[in-house]
Amino acid sequence: MNTKGLLKANADRTVAYAKPAYRAAQHVFAVFDDSLKRIADFPFISTAAQPLAAYAFRKDGTKAQAVALWFRGAAPADSNATTGVDFVFPRGAFDEPVYADLRTGRVFAIPRAAWSREGGA
């Protein structure tokens, strides 16, 4: 039996359960739909000790932005450990930034004391 995929199958080919990646895929597809357009060359500065990937998007007809960030230096792991990192987005346009965990679907407010705006950054 091929064990890849988003659903765990029983030997009789019935579905045992949805794998965690199934819910993560639902969350990704709900956020990153065709109303978001990529912002090319979106600069960022980070305190991360590991290499990061960052891609920014703008919602059609608005100034609302979303930035997808992940550590790109290692293969994905099963760990749910978090790593605190500071960012500067020189062309960021965020009024009330939040952190969305696309794996779990949880959205966390970023406390006002934890972010600031300086000029256009």
PDB file of N, CA and C in Angstrom:
ATOM      1  N   MET A   1       0.847  -1.180   0.000  1.00  0.00           N
ATOM      2  CA  MET A   1       0.000   0.000   0.000  1.00  0.00           C
ATOM      3  C   MET A   1       0.889   1.240   0.000  1.00  0.00           C
ATOM      4  N   ASN A   2       0.534   2.211  -0.785  1.00  0.00           N
ATOM      5  CA  ASN A   2       1.267   3.467  -0.863  1.00  0.00           C
ATOM      6  C   ASN A   2       0.837   4.339   0.322  1.00  0.00           C
ATOM      7  N   THR A   3       1.770   4.699   1.193  1.00  0.00           N
ATOM      8  CA  THR A   3       1.425   5.402   2.427  1.00  0.00           C
ATOM      9  C   THR A   3       1.493   6.926   2.306  1.00  0.00           C
ATOM     10  N   LYS A   4       1.824   7.433   1.141  1.00  0.00           N
ATOM     11  CA  LYS A   4       1.839   8.886   0.984  1.00  0.00           C
ATOM     12  C   LYS A   4       0.404   9.387   0.889  1.00  0.00           C
ATOM     13  N   GLY A   5       0.236  10.683   0.991  1.00  0.00           N
ATOM     14  CA  GLY A   5      -1.094  11.250   0.836  1.00  0.00           C
ATOM     15  C   GLY A   5      -1.573  11.937   2.090  1.00  0.00           C
ATOM     16  N   LEU A   6      -2.772  12.477   2.033  1.00  0.00           N
ATOM     17  CA  LEU A   6      -3.324  13.259   3.124  1.00  0.00           C
ATOM     18  C   LEU A   6      -4.268  12.473   4.027  1.00  0.00           C
ATOM     19  N   LEU A   7      -4.647  11.276   3.592  1.00  0.00           N
ATOM     20  CA  LEU A   7      -5.550  10.451   4.387  1.00  0.00           C
ATOM     21  C   LEU A   7      -4.878   9.133   4.743  1.00  0.00           C
ATOM     22  N   LYS A   8      -5.077   8.666   5.983  1.00  0.00           N
ATOM     23  CA  LYS A   8      -4.558   7.366   6.407  1.00  0.00           C
ATOM     24  C   LYS A   8      -5.600   6.326   6.028  1.00  0.00           C
ATOM     25  N   ALA A   9      -5.190   5.353   5.238  1.00  0.00           N
ATOM     26  CA  ALA A   9      -6.119   4.315   4.765  1.00  0.00           C
ATOM     27  C   ALA A   9      -5.951   3.037   5.573  1.00  0.00           C
ATOM     28  N   ASN A  10      -7.057   2.369   5.800  1.00  0.00           N
ATOM     29  CA  ASN A  10      -7.047   1.037   6.405  1.00  0.00           C
ATOM     30  C   ASN A  10      -6.728   0.014   5.314  1.00  0.00           C
ATOM     31  N   ALA A  11      -6.446  -1.202   5.727  1.00  0.00           N
ATOM     32  CA  ALA A  11      -6.133  -2.261   4.763  1.00  0.00           C
ATOM     33  C   ALA A  11      -7.294  -2.521   3.802  1.00  0.00           C
ATOM     34  N   ASP A  12      -8.527  -2.278   4.256  1.00  0.00           N
ATOM     35  CA  ASP A  12      -9.695  -2.496   3.381  1.00  0.00           C
ATOM     36  C   ASP A  12     -10.012  -1.270   2.512  1.00  0.00           C
ATOM     37  N   ARG A  13      -9.093  -0.307   2.509  1.00  0.00           N
ATOM     38  CA  ARG A  13      -9.179   0.913   1.694  1.00  0.00           C
ATOM     39  C   ARG A  13     -10.222   1.924   2.176  1.00  0.00           C
ATOM     40  N   THR A  14     -10.680   1.776   3.401  1.00  0.00           N
ATOM     41  CA  THR A  14     -11.518   2.812   3.990  1.00  0.00           C
ATOM     42  C   THR A  14     -10.591   3.834   4.651  1.00  0.00           C
ATOM     43  N   VAL A  15     -11.117   5.007   4.922  1.00  0.00           N
ATOM     44  CA  VAL A  15     -10.302   6.066   5.525  1.00  0.00           C
ATOM     45  C   VAL A  15     -10.296   5.903   7.035  1.00  0.00           C
ATOM     46  N   ALA A  16      -9.099   5.809   7.602  1.00  0.00           N
ATOM     47  CA  ALA A  16      -8.947   5.702   9.054  1.00  0.00           C
ATOM     48  C   ALA A  16      -9.041   7.084   9.690  1.00  0.00           C
ATOM     49  N   TYR A  17      -8.334   8.049   9.128  1.00  0.00           N
ATOM     50  CA  TYR A  17      -8.369   9.419   9.639  1.00  0.00           C
ATOM     51  C   TYR A  17      -7.639  10.341   8.669  1.00  0.00           C
ATOM     52  N   ALA A  18      -7.896  11.624   8.835  1.00  0.00           N
ATOM     53  CA  ALA A  18      -7.174  12.636   8.048  1.00  0.00           C
ATOM     54  C   ALA A  18      -5.839  12.900   8.739  1.00  0.00           C
ATOM     55  N   LYS A  19      -4.759  12.838   7.988  1.00  0.00           N
ATOM     56  CA  LYS A  19      -3.431  13.110   8.536  1.00  0.00           C
ATOM     57  C   LYS A  19      -3.312  14.603   8.848  1.00  0.00           C
ATOM     58  N   PRO A  20      -2.386  14.998   9.737  1.00  0.00           N
ATOM     59  CA  PRO A  20      -2.209  16.418  10.055  1.00  0.00           C
ATOM     60  C   PRO A  20      -1.987  17.278   8.805  1.00  0.00           C
ATOM     61  N   ALA A  21      -1.336  16.741   7.806  1.00  0.00           N
ATOM     62  CA  ALA A  21      -1.088  17.503   6.575  1.00  0.00           C
ATOM     63  C   ALA A  21      -2.395  17.839   5.853  1.00  0.00           C
ATOM     64  N   TYR A  22      -3.438  17.036   6.055  1.00  0.00           N
ATOM     65  CA  TYR A  22      -4.730  17.296   5.417  1.00  0.00           C
ATOM     66  C   TYR A  22      -5.298  18.614   5.925  1.00  0.00           C
ATOM     67  N   ARG A  23      -5.297  18.787   7.254  1.00  0.00           N
ATOM     68  CA  ARG A  23      -5.797  20.040   7.845  1.00  0.00           C
ATOM     69  C   ARG A  23      -4.886  21.205   7.456  1.00  0.00           C
ATOM     70  N   ALA A  24      -3.587  20.988   7.457  1.00  0.00           N
ATOM     71  CA  ALA A  24      -2.658  22.054   7.069  1.00  0.00           C
ATOM     72  C   ALA A  24      -2.926  22.493   5.636  1.00  0.00           C
ATOM     73  N   ALA A  25      -3.160  21.549   4.752  1.00  0.00           N
ATOM     74  CA  ALA A  25      -3.460  21.896   3.359  1.00  0.00           C
ATOM     75  C   ALA A  25      -4.747  22.711   3.279  1.00  0.00           C
ATOM     76  N   GLN A  26      -5.761  22.351   4.049  1.00  0.00           N
ATOM     77  CA  GLN A  26      -7.001  23.130   4.061  1.00  0.00           C
ATOM     78  C   GLN A  26      -6.736  24.571   4.485  1.00  0.00           C
ATOM     79  N   HIS A  27      -5.912  24.755   5.511  1.00  0.00           N
ATOM     80  CA  HIS A  27      -5.613  26.098   5.996  1.00  0.00           C
ATOM     81  C   HIS A  27      -4.831  26.900   4.959  1.00  0.00           C
ATOM     82  N   VAL A  28      -3.858  26.279   4.329  1.00  0.00           N
ATOM     83  CA  VAL A  28      -3.068  26.962   3.297  1.00  0.00           C
ATOM     84  C   VAL A  28      -3.971  27.399   2.144  1.00  0.00           C
ATOM     85  N   PHE A  29      -4.835  26.498   1.690  1.00  0.00           N
ATOM     86  CA  PHE A  29      -5.697  26.811   0.544  1.00  0.00           C
ATOM     87  C   PHE A  29      -6.753  27.854   0.900  1.00  0.00           C
ATOM     88  N   ALA A  30      -7.168  27.913   2.162  1.00  0.00           N
ATOM     89  CA  ALA A  30      -8.145  28.917   2.582  1.00  0.00           C
ATOM     90  C   ALA A  30      -7.529  30.311   2.595  1.00  0.00           C
ATOM     91  N   VAL A  31      -6.254  30.412   2.967  1.00  0.00           N
ATOM     92  CA  VAL A  31      -5.590  31.721   3.035  1.00  0.00           C
ATOM     93  C   VAL A  31      -5.036  32.124   1.675  1.00  0.00           C
ATOM     94  N   PHE A  32      -4.335  31.216   1.029  1.00  0.00           N
ATOM     95  CA  PHE A  32      -3.648  31.548  -0.220  1.00  0.00           C
ATOM     96  C   PHE A  32      -4.506  31.157  -1.418  1.00  0.00           C
ATOM     97  N   ASP A  33      -5.572  31.924  -1.605  1.00  0.00           N
ATOM     98  CA  ASP A  33      -6.445  31.683  -2.756  1.00  0.00           C
ATOM     99  C   ASP A  33      -6.070  32.636  -3.892  1.00  0.00           C
ATOM    100  N   ASP A  34      -6.898  32.693  -4.924  1.00  0.00           N
ATOM    101  CA  ASP A  34      -6.549  33.513  -6.089  1.00  0.00           C
ATOM    102  C   ASP A  34      -6.732  35.010  -5.867  1.00  0.00           C
ATOM    103  N   SER A  35      -7.170  35.428  -4.669  1.00  0.00           N
ATOM    104  CA  SER A  35      -7.278  36.861  -4.388  1.00  0.00           C
ATOM    105  C   SER A  35      -5.954  37.447  -3.909  1.00  0.00           C
ATOM    106  N   LEU A  36      -4.971  36.608  -3.624  1.00  0.00           N
ATOM    107  CA  LEU A  36      -3.646  37.083  -3.217  1.00  0.00           C
ATOM    108  C   LEU A  36      -2.707  37.055  -4.403  1.00  0.00           C
ATOM    109  N   LYS A  37      -2.010  38.146  -4.589  1.00  0.00           N
ATOM    110  CA  LYS A  37      -1.016  38.247  -5.662  1.00  0.00           C
ATOM    111  C   LYS A  37       0.352  38.467  -5.026  1.00  0.00           C
ATOM    112  N   ARG A  38       1.348  37.779  -5.542  1.00  0.00           N
ATOM    113  CA  ARG A  38       2.697  37.871  -4.983  1.00  0.00           C
ATOM    114  C   ARG A  38       3.277  39.264  -5.206  1.00  0.00           C
ATOM    115  N   ILE A  39       3.947  39.771  -4.173  1.00  0.00           N
ATOM    116  CA  ILE A  39       4.690  41.022  -4.257  1.00  0.00           C
ATOM    117  C   ILE A  39       6.128  40.633  -4.567  1.00  0.00           C
ATOM    118  N   ALA A  40       6.592  40.959  -5.750  1.00  0.00           N
ATOM    119  CA  ALA A  40       7.960  40.589  -6.149  1.00  0.00           C
ATOM    120  C   ALA A  40       8.972  41.399  -5.348  1.00  0.00           C
ATOM    121  N   ASP A  41      10.087  40.779  -5.068  1.00  0.00           N
ATOM    122  CA  ASP A  41      11.214  41.449  -4.394  1.00  0.00           C
ATOM    123  C   ASP A  41      10.787  42.154  -3.118  1.00  0.00           C
ATOM    124  N   PHE A  42      10.156  41.427  -2.223  1.00  0.00           N
ATOM    125  CA  PHE A  42       9.725  41.969  -0.930  1.00  0.00           C
ATOM    126  C   PHE A  42      10.877  41.786   0.049  1.00  0.00           C
ATOM    127  N   PRO A  43      11.585  42.857   0.421  1.00  0.00           N
ATOM    128  CA  PRO A  43      12.768  42.715   1.283  1.00  0.00           C
ATOM    129  C   PRO A  43      12.380  42.452   2.739  1.00  0.00           C
ATOM    130  N   PHE A  44      13.266  41.780   3.453  1.00  0.00           N
ATOM    131  CA  PHE A  44      13.077  41.593   4.889  1.00  0.00           C
ATOM    132  C   PHE A  44      14.435  41.463   5.562  1.00  0.00           C
ATOM    133  N   ILE A  45      14.468  41.805   6.825  1.00  0.00           N
ATOM    134  CA  ILE A  45      15.658  41.675   7.667  1.00  0.00           C
ATOM    135  C   ILE A  45      15.232  40.816   8.852  1.00  0.00           C
ATOM    136  N   SER A  46      16.088  39.893   9.267  1.00  0.00           N
ATOM    137  CA  SER A  46      15.713  38.954  10.314  1.00  0.00           C
ATOM    138  C   SER A  46      16.876  38.689  11.257  1.00  0.00           C
ATOM    139  N   THR A  47      16.541  38.342  12.502  1.00  0.00           N
ATOM    140  CA  THR A  47      17.549  37.944  13.483  1.00  0.00           C
ATOM    141  C   THR A  47      17.741  36.428  13.512  1.00  0.00           C
ATOM    142  N   ALA A  48      17.082  35.720  12.602  1.00  0.00           N
ATOM    143  CA  ALA A  48      17.127  34.252  12.621  1.00  0.00           C
ATOM    144  C   ALA A  48      18.545  33.741  12.404  1.00  0.00           C
ATOM    145  N   ALA A  49      18.913  32.722  13.169  1.00  0.00           N
ATOM    146  CA  ALA A  49      20.227  32.105  13.025  1.00  0.00           C
ATOM    147  C   ALA A  49      20.255  31.132  11.845  1.00  0.00           C
ATOM    148  N   GLN A  50      19.081  30.702  11.385  1.00  0.00           N
ATOM    149  CA  GLN A  50      18.966  29.775  10.266  1.00  0.00           C
ATOM    150  C   GLN A  50      18.486  30.527   9.030  1.00  0.00           C
ATOM    151  N   PRO A  51      18.793  30.023   7.845  1.00  0.00           N
ATOM    152  CA  PRO A  51      18.295  30.681   6.629  1.00  0.00           C
ATOM    153  C   PRO A  51      16.768  30.648   6.562  1.00  0.00           C
ATOM    154  N   LEU A  52      16.193  31.761   6.144  1.00  0.00           N
ATOM    155  CA  LEU A  52      14.736  31.887   6.029  1.00  0.00           C
ATOM    156  C   LEU A  52      14.320  32.102   4.587  1.00  0.00           C
ATOM    157  N   ALA A  53      13.134  31.671   4.268  1.00  0.00           N
ATOM    158  CA  ALA A  53      12.481  32.026   3.010  1.00  0.00           C
ATOM    159  C   ALA A  53      11.311  32.924   3.375  1.00  0.00           C
ATOM    160  N   ALA A  54      11.059  33.960   2.602  1.00  0.00           N
ATOM    161  CA  ALA A  54       9.945  34.866   2.857  1.00  0.00           C
ATOM    162  C   ALA A  54       9.344  35.292   1.525  1.00  0.00           C
ATOM    163  N   TYR A  55       8.051  35.146   1.433  1.00  0.00           N
ATOM    164  CA  TYR A  55       7.317  35.587   0.251  1.00  0.00           C
ATOM    165  C   TYR A  55       6.133  36.416   0.720  1.00  0.00           C
ATOM    166  N   ALA A  56       5.921  37.553   0.071  1.00  0.00           N
ATOM    167  CA  ALA A  56       4.834  38.454   0.466  1.00  0.00           C
ATOM    168  C   ALA A  56       3.766  38.479  -0.614  1.00  0.00           C
ATOM    169  N   PHE A  57       2.545  38.752  -0.163  1.00  0.00           N
ATOM    170  CA  PHE A  57       1.388  38.769  -1.043  1.00  0.00           C
ATOM    171  C   PHE A  57       0.503  39.953  -0.690  1.00  0.00           C
ATOM    172  N   ARG A  58      -0.226  40.451  -1.669  1.00  0.00           N
ATOM    173  CA  ARG A  58      -1.188  41.528  -1.452  1.00  0.00           C
ATOM    174  C   ARG A  58      -2.550  41.050  -1.905  1.00  0.00           C
ATOM    175  N   LYS A  59      -3.569  41.368  -1.105  1.00  0.00           N
ATOM    176  CA  LYS A  59      -4.938  41.010  -1.464  1.00  0.00           C
ATOM    177  C   LYS A  59      -5.422  41.969  -2.542  1.00  0.00           C
ATOM    178  N   ASP A  60      -6.034  41.418  -3.583  1.00  0.00           N
ATOM    179  CA  ASP A  60      -6.545  42.224  -4.700  1.00  0.00           C
ATOM    180  C   ASP A  60      -7.356  43.418  -4.210  1.00  0.00           C
ATOM    181  N   GLY A  61      -7.040  44.596  -4.748  1.00  0.00           N
ATOM    182  CA  GLY A  61      -7.819  45.791  -4.490  1.00  0.00           C
ATOM    183  C   GLY A  61      -7.632  46.413  -3.121  1.00  0.00           C
ATOM    184  N   THR A  62      -6.694  45.908  -2.336  1.00  0.00           N
ATOM    185  CA  THR A  62      -6.464  46.461  -0.998  1.00  0.00           C
ATOM    186  C   THR A  62      -4.970  46.629  -0.774  1.00  0.00           C
ATOM    187  N   LYS A  63      -4.618  47.195   0.387  1.00  0.00           N
ATOM    188  CA  LYS A  63      -3.203  47.249   0.765  1.00  0.00           C
ATOM    189  C   LYS A  63      -2.844  46.127   1.737  1.00  0.00           C
ATOM    190  N   ALA A  64      -3.834  45.279   2.064  1.00  0.00           N
ATOM    191  CA  ALA A  64      -3.615  44.186   3.008  1.00  0.00           C
ATOM    192  C   ALA A  64      -2.540  43.235   2.495  1.00  0.00           C
ATOM    193  N   GLN A  65      -1.627  42.872   3.378  1.00  0.00           N
ATOM    194  CA  GLN A  65      -0.502  42.007   3.007  1.00  0.00           C
ATOM    195  C   GLN A  65      -0.482  40.741   3.861  1.00  0.00           C
ATOM    196  N   ALA A  66       0.119  39.716   3.302  1.00  0.00           N
ATOM    197  CA  ALA A  66       0.412  38.479   4.021  1.00  0.00           C
ATOM    198  C   ALA A  66       1.841  38.105   3.672  1.00  0.00           C
ATOM    199  N   VAL A  67       2.580  37.647   4.658  1.00  0.00           N
ATOM    200  CA  VAL A  67       3.956  37.203   4.434  1.00  0.00           C
ATOM    201  C   VAL A  67       4.062  35.764   4.915  1.00  0.00           C
ATOM    202  N   ALA A  68       4.525  34.883   4.043  1.00  0.00           N
ATOM    203  CA  ALA A  68       4.772  33.481   4.394  1.00  0.00           C
ATOM    204  C   ALA A  68       6.260  33.330   4.677  1.00  0.00           C
ATOM    205  N   LEU A  69       6.572  32.795   5.839  1.00  0.00           N
ATOM    206  CA  LEU A  69       7.967  32.637   6.283  1.00  0.00           C
ATOM    207  C   LEU A  69       8.196  31.205   6.741  1.00  0.00           C
ATOM    208  N   TRP A  70       9.373  30.687   6.439  1.00  0.00           N
ATOM    209  CA  TRP A  70       9.752  29.381   6.972  1.00  0.00           C
ATOM    210  C   TRP A  70      11.261  29.240   6.932  1.00  0.00           C
ATOM    211  N   PHE A  71      11.754  28.369   7.814  1.00  0.00           N
ATOM    212  CA  PHE A  71      13.179  28.044   7.803  1.00  0.00           C
ATOM    213  C   PHE A  71      13.436  27.158   6.602  1.00  0.00           C
ATOM    214  N   ARG A  72      14.379  27.548   5.769  1.00  0.00           N
ATOM    215  CA  ARG A  72      14.624  26.806   4.534  1.00  0.00           C
ATOM    216  C   ARG A  72      15.922  26.019   4.571  1.00  0.00           C
ATOM    217  N   GLY A  73      16.591  26.017   5.701  1.00  0.00           N
ATOM    218  CA  GLY A  73      17.904  25.405   5.776  1.00  0.00           C
ATOM    219  C   GLY A  73      17.921  23.924   6.089  1.00  0.00           C
ATOM    220  N   ALA A  74      16.786  23.350   6.450  1.00  0.00           N
ATOM    221  CA  ALA A  74      16.756  21.929   6.815  1.00  0.00           C
ATOM    222  C   ALA A  74      15.463  21.302   6.327  1.00  0.00           C
ATOM    223  N   ALA A  75      15.470  20.003   6.255  1.00  0.00           N
ATOM    224  CA  ALA A  75      14.265  19.274   5.861  1.00  0.00           C
ATOM    225  C   ALA A  75      13.199  19.440   6.937  1.00  0.00           C
ATOM    226  N   PRO A  76      11.925  19.413   6.568  1.00  0.00           N
ATOM    227  CA  PRO A  76      10.858  19.485   7.576  1.00  0.00           C
ATOM    228  C   PRO A  76      10.998  18.357   8.588  1.00  0.00           C
ATOM    229  N   ALA A  77      10.594  18.659   9.817  1.00  0.00           N
ATOM    230  CA  ALA A  77      10.684  17.673  10.892  1.00  0.00           C
ATOM    231  C   ALA A  77       9.329  17.548  11.577  1.00  0.00           C
ATOM    232  N   ASP A  78       9.190  16.541  12.414  1.00  0.00           N
ATOM    233  CA  ASP A  78       7.944  16.340  13.140  1.00  0.00           C
ATOM    234  C   ASP A  78       7.847  17.215  14.388  1.00  0.00           C
ATOM    235  N   SER A  79       8.876  17.943  14.719  1.00  0.00           N
ATOM    236  CA  SER A  79       8.890  18.768  15.923  1.00  0.00           C
ATOM    237  C   SER A  79       7.941  19.957  15.785  1.00  0.00           C
ATOM    238  N   ASN A  80       7.285  20.296  16.878  1.00  0.00           N
ATOM    239  CA  ASN A  80       6.427  21.474  16.927  1.00  0.00           C
ATOM    240  C   ASN A  80       7.081  22.596  17.721  1.00  0.00           C
ATOM    241  N   ALA A  81       8.383  22.494  17.944  1.00  0.00           N
ATOM    242  CA  ALA A  81       9.099  23.514  18.697  1.00  0.00           C
ATOM    243  C   ALA A  81       9.047  24.852  17.952  1.00  0.00           C
ATOM    244  N   THR A  82       8.978  25.921  18.717  1.00  0.00           N
ATOM    245  CA  THR A  82       8.942  27.254  18.117  1.00  0.00           C
ATOM    246  C   THR A  82      10.271  27.953  18.341  1.00  0.00           C
ATOM    247  N   THR A  83      10.560  28.915  17.490  1.00  0.00           N
ATOM    248  CA  THR A  83      11.780  29.707  17.579  1.00  0.00           C
ATOM    249  C   THR A  83      11.398  31.171  17.422  1.00  0.00           C
ATOM    250  N   GLY A  84      11.700  31.959  18.416  1.00  0.00           N
ATOM    251  CA  GLY A  84      11.408  33.387  18.339  1.00  0.00           C
ATOM    252  C   GLY A  84      12.368  34.083  17.374  1.00  0.00           C
ATOM    253  N   VAL A  85      11.837  34.923  16.515  1.00  0.00           N
ATOM    254  CA  VAL A  85      12.654  35.636  15.533  1.00  0.00           C
ATOM    255  C   VAL A  85      12.083  37.039  15.367  1.00  0.00           C
ATOM    256  N   ASP A  86      12.956  38.027  15.284  1.00  0.00           N
ATOM    257  CA  ASP A  86      12.536  39.402  14.999  1.00  0.00           C
ATOM    258  C   ASP A  86      12.669  39.658  13.505  1.00  0.00           C
ATOM    259  N   PHE A  87      11.724  40.451  12.966  1.00  0.00           N
ATOM    260  CA  PHE A  87      11.709  40.783  11.545  1.00  0.00           C
ATOM    261  C   PHE A  87      11.569  42.278  11.354  1.00  0.00           C
ATOM    262  N   VAL A  88      12.122  42.746  10.249  1.00  0.00           N
ATOM    263  CA  VAL A  88      11.827  44.090   9.760  1.00  0.00           C
ATOM    264  C   VAL A  88      11.408  43.917   8.307  1.00  0.00           C
ATOM    265  N   PHE A  89      10.252  44.471   7.976  1.00  0.00           N
ATOM    266  CA  PHE A  89       9.746  44.453   6.603  1.00  0.00           C
ATOM    267  C   PHE A  89       9.758  45.904   6.101  1.00  0.00           C
ATOM    268  N   PRO A  90      10.808  46.308   5.366  1.00  0.00           N
ATOM    269  CA  PRO A  90      10.918  47.706   4.929  1.00  0.00           C
ATOM    270  C   PRO A  90       9.724  48.200   4.111  1.00  0.00           C
ATOM    271  N   ARG A  91       9.012  47.300   3.443  1.00  0.00           N
ATOM    272  CA  ARG A  91       7.837  47.711   2.662  1.00  0.00           C
ATOM    273  C   ARG A  91       6.560  47.092   3.216  1.00  0.00           C
ATOM    274  N   GLY A  92       6.557  46.819   4.516  1.00  0.00           N
ATOM    275  CA  GLY A  92       5.388  46.213   5.152  1.00  0.00           C
ATOM    276  C   GLY A  92       4.280  47.226   5.361  1.00  0.00           C
ATOM    277  N   ALA A  93       3.053  46.788   5.194  1.00  0.00           N
ATOM    278  CA  ALA A  93       1.872  47.641   5.406  1.00  0.00           C
ATOM    279  C   ALA A  93       0.893  46.877   6.290  1.00  0.00           C
ATOM    280  N   PHE A  94       1.222  46.786   7.569  1.00  0.00           N
ATOM    281  CA  PHE A  94       0.408  46.015   8.500  1.00  0.00           C
ATOM    282  C   PHE A  94      -0.215  46.951   9.527  1.00  0.00           C
ATOM    283  N   ASP A  95      -1.522  46.853   9.707  1.00  0.00           N
ATOM    284  CA  ASP A  95      -2.210  47.658  10.716  1.00  0.00           C
ATOM    285  C   ASP A  95      -2.372  46.884  12.014  1.00  0.00           C
ATOM    286  N   GLU A  96      -2.747  45.626  11.930  1.00  0.00           N
ATOM    287  CA  GLU A  96      -2.897  44.752  13.088  1.00  0.00           C
ATOM    288  C   GLU A  96      -2.323  43.384  12.737  1.00  0.00           C
ATOM    289  N   PRO A  97      -0.998  43.230  12.801  1.00  0.00           N
ATOM    290  CA  PRO A  97      -0.390  41.960  12.379  1.00  0.00           C
ATOM    291  C   PRO A  97      -0.784  40.807  13.298  1.00  0.00           C
ATOM    292  N   VAL A  98      -0.918  39.638  12.694  1.00  0.00           N
ATOM    293  CA  VAL A  98      -1.215  38.410  13.424  1.00  0.00           C
ATOM    294  C   VAL A  98      -0.254  37.331  12.941  1.00  0.00           C
ATOM    295  N   TYR A  99      -0.141  36.285  13.734  1.00  0.00           N
ATOM    296  CA  TYR A  99       0.633  35.110  13.364  1.00  0.00           C
ATOM    297  C   TYR A  99      -0.360  33.979  13.141  1.00  0.00           C
ATOM    298  N   ALA A 100      -0.368  33.416  11.962  1.00  0.00           N
ATOM    299  CA  ALA A 100      -1.258  32.297  11.647  1.00  0.00           C
ATOM    300  C   ALA A 100      -0.434  31.031  11.511  1.00  0.00           C
ATOM    301  N   ASP A 101      -0.732  30.051  12.338  1.00  0.00           N
ATOM    302  CA  ASP A 101      -0.070  28.747  12.263  1.00  0.00           C
ATOM    303  C   ASP A 101      -0.868  27.910  11.268  1.00  0.00           C
ATOM    304  N   LEU A 102      -0.364  27.781  10.063  1.00  0.00           N
ATOM    305  CA  LEU A 102      -1.099  27.084   9.017  1.00  0.00           C
ATOM    306  C   LEU A 102      -1.186  25.581   9.253  1.00  0.00           C
ATOM    307  N   ARG A 103      -0.343  25.067  10.131  1.00  0.00           N
ATOM    308  CA  ARG A 103      -0.421  23.642  10.457  1.00  0.00           C
ATOM    309  C   ARG A 103      -1.662  23.358  11.295  1.00  0.00           C
ATOM    310  N   THR A 104      -1.936  24.225  12.279  1.00  0.00           N
ATOM    311  CA  THR A 104      -3.048  23.990  13.192  1.00  0.00           C
ATOM    312  C   THR A 104      -4.291  24.818  12.862  1.00  0.00           C
ATOM    313  N   GLY A 105      -4.114  25.901  12.126  1.00  0.00           N
ATOM    314  CA  GLY A 105      -5.224  26.797  11.827  1.00  0.00           C
ATOM    315  C   GLY A 105      -5.435  27.861  12.888  1.00  0.00           C
ATOM    316  N   ARG A 106      -4.624  27.870  13.915  1.00  0.00           N
ATOM    317  CA  ARG A 106      -4.765  28.869  14.985  1.00  0.00           C
ATOM    318  C   ARG A 106      -4.159  30.200  14.540  1.00  0.00           C
ATOM    319  N   VAL A 107      -4.811  31.277  14.950  1.00  0.00           N
ATOM    320  CA  VAL A 107      -4.345  32.627  14.642  1.00  0.00           C
ATOM    321  C   VAL A 107      -4.102  33.335  15.967  1.00  0.00           C
ATOM    322  N   PHE A 108      -2.933  33.953  16.087  1.00  0.00           N
ATOM    323  CA  PHE A 108      -2.539  34.611  17.323  1.00  0.00           C
ATOM    324  C   PHE A 108      -2.326  36.103  17.073  1.00  0.00           C
ATOM    325  N   ALA A 109      -2.905  36.925  17.933  1.00  0.00           N
ATOM    326  CA  ALA A 109      -2.658  38.368  17.857  1.00  0.00           C
ATOM    327  C   ALA A 109      -1.215  38.615  18.296  1.00  0.00           C
ATOM    328  N   ILE A 110      -0.566  39.519  17.628  1.00  0.00           N
ATOM    329  CA  ILE A 110       0.769  39.930  18.050  1.00  0.00           C
ATOM    330  C   ILE A 110       0.573  41.156  18.934  1.00  0.00           C
ATOM    331  N   PRO A 111       0.960  41.086  20.208  1.00  0.00           N
ATOM    332  CA  PRO A 111       0.719  42.204  21.117  1.00  0.00           C
ATOM    333  C   PRO A 111       1.328  43.504  20.576  1.00  0.00           C
ATOM    334  N   ARG A 112       0.625  44.600  20.791  1.00  0.00           N
ATOM    335  CA  ARG A 112       1.071  45.905  20.294  1.00  0.00           C
ATOM    336  C   ARG A 112       2.482  46.231  20.773  1.00  0.00           C
ATOM    337  N   ALA A 113       2.852  45.799  21.956  1.00  0.00           N
ATOM    338  CA  ALA A 113       4.197  46.069  22.485  1.00  0.00           C
ATOM    339  C   ALA A 113       5.273  45.273  21.752  1.00  0.00           C
ATOM    340  N   ALA A 114       4.878  44.266  20.959  1.00  0.00           N
ATOM    341  CA  ALA A 114       5.845  43.407  20.284  1.00  0.00           C
ATOM    342  C   ALA A 114       6.103  43.822  18.833  1.00  0.00           C
ATOM    343  N   TRP A 115       5.451  44.879  18.353  1.00  0.00           N
ATOM    344  CA  TRP A 115       5.704  45.343  16.990  1.00  0.00           C
ATOM    345  C   TRP A 115       5.637  46.861  16.951  1.00  0.00           C
ATOM    346  N   SER A 116       6.288  47.420  15.959  1.00  0.00           N
ATOM    347  CA  SER A 116       6.292  48.881  15.814  1.00  0.00           C
ATOM    348  C   SER A 116       6.414  49.235  14.348  1.00  0.00           C
ATOM    349  N   ARG A 117       6.171  50.479  14.057  1.00  0.00           N
ATOM    350  CA  ARG A 117       6.304  50.998  12.708  1.00  0.00           C
ATOM    351  C   ARG A 117       7.291  52.159  12.741  1.00  0.00           C
ATOM    352  N   GLU A 118       8.277  52.104  11.873  1.00  0.00           N
ATOM    353  CA  GLU A 118       9.271  53.171  11.745  1.00  0.00           C
ATOM    354  C   GLU A 118       9.334  53.584  10.286  1.00  0.00           C
ATOM    355  N   GLY A 119       8.877  54.789   9.991  1.00  0.00           N
ATOM    356  CA  GLY A 119       8.843  55.224   8.599  1.00  0.00           C
ATOM    357  C   GLY A 119       7.966  54.279   7.800  1.00  0.00           C
ATOM    358  N   GLY A 120       8.508  53.744   6.734  1.00  0.00           N
ATOM    359  CA  GLY A 120       7.751  52.786   5.904  1.00  0.00           C
ATOM    360  C   GLY A 120       7.979  51.348   6.303  1.00  0.00           C
ATOM    361  N   ALA A 121       8.728  51.106   7.372  1.00  0.00           N
ATOM    362  CA  ALA A 121       9.062  49.731   7.790  1.00  0.00           C
ATOM    363  C   ALA A 121       8.238  49.310   8.997  1.00  0.00           C
TER     364      ALA A 121
END
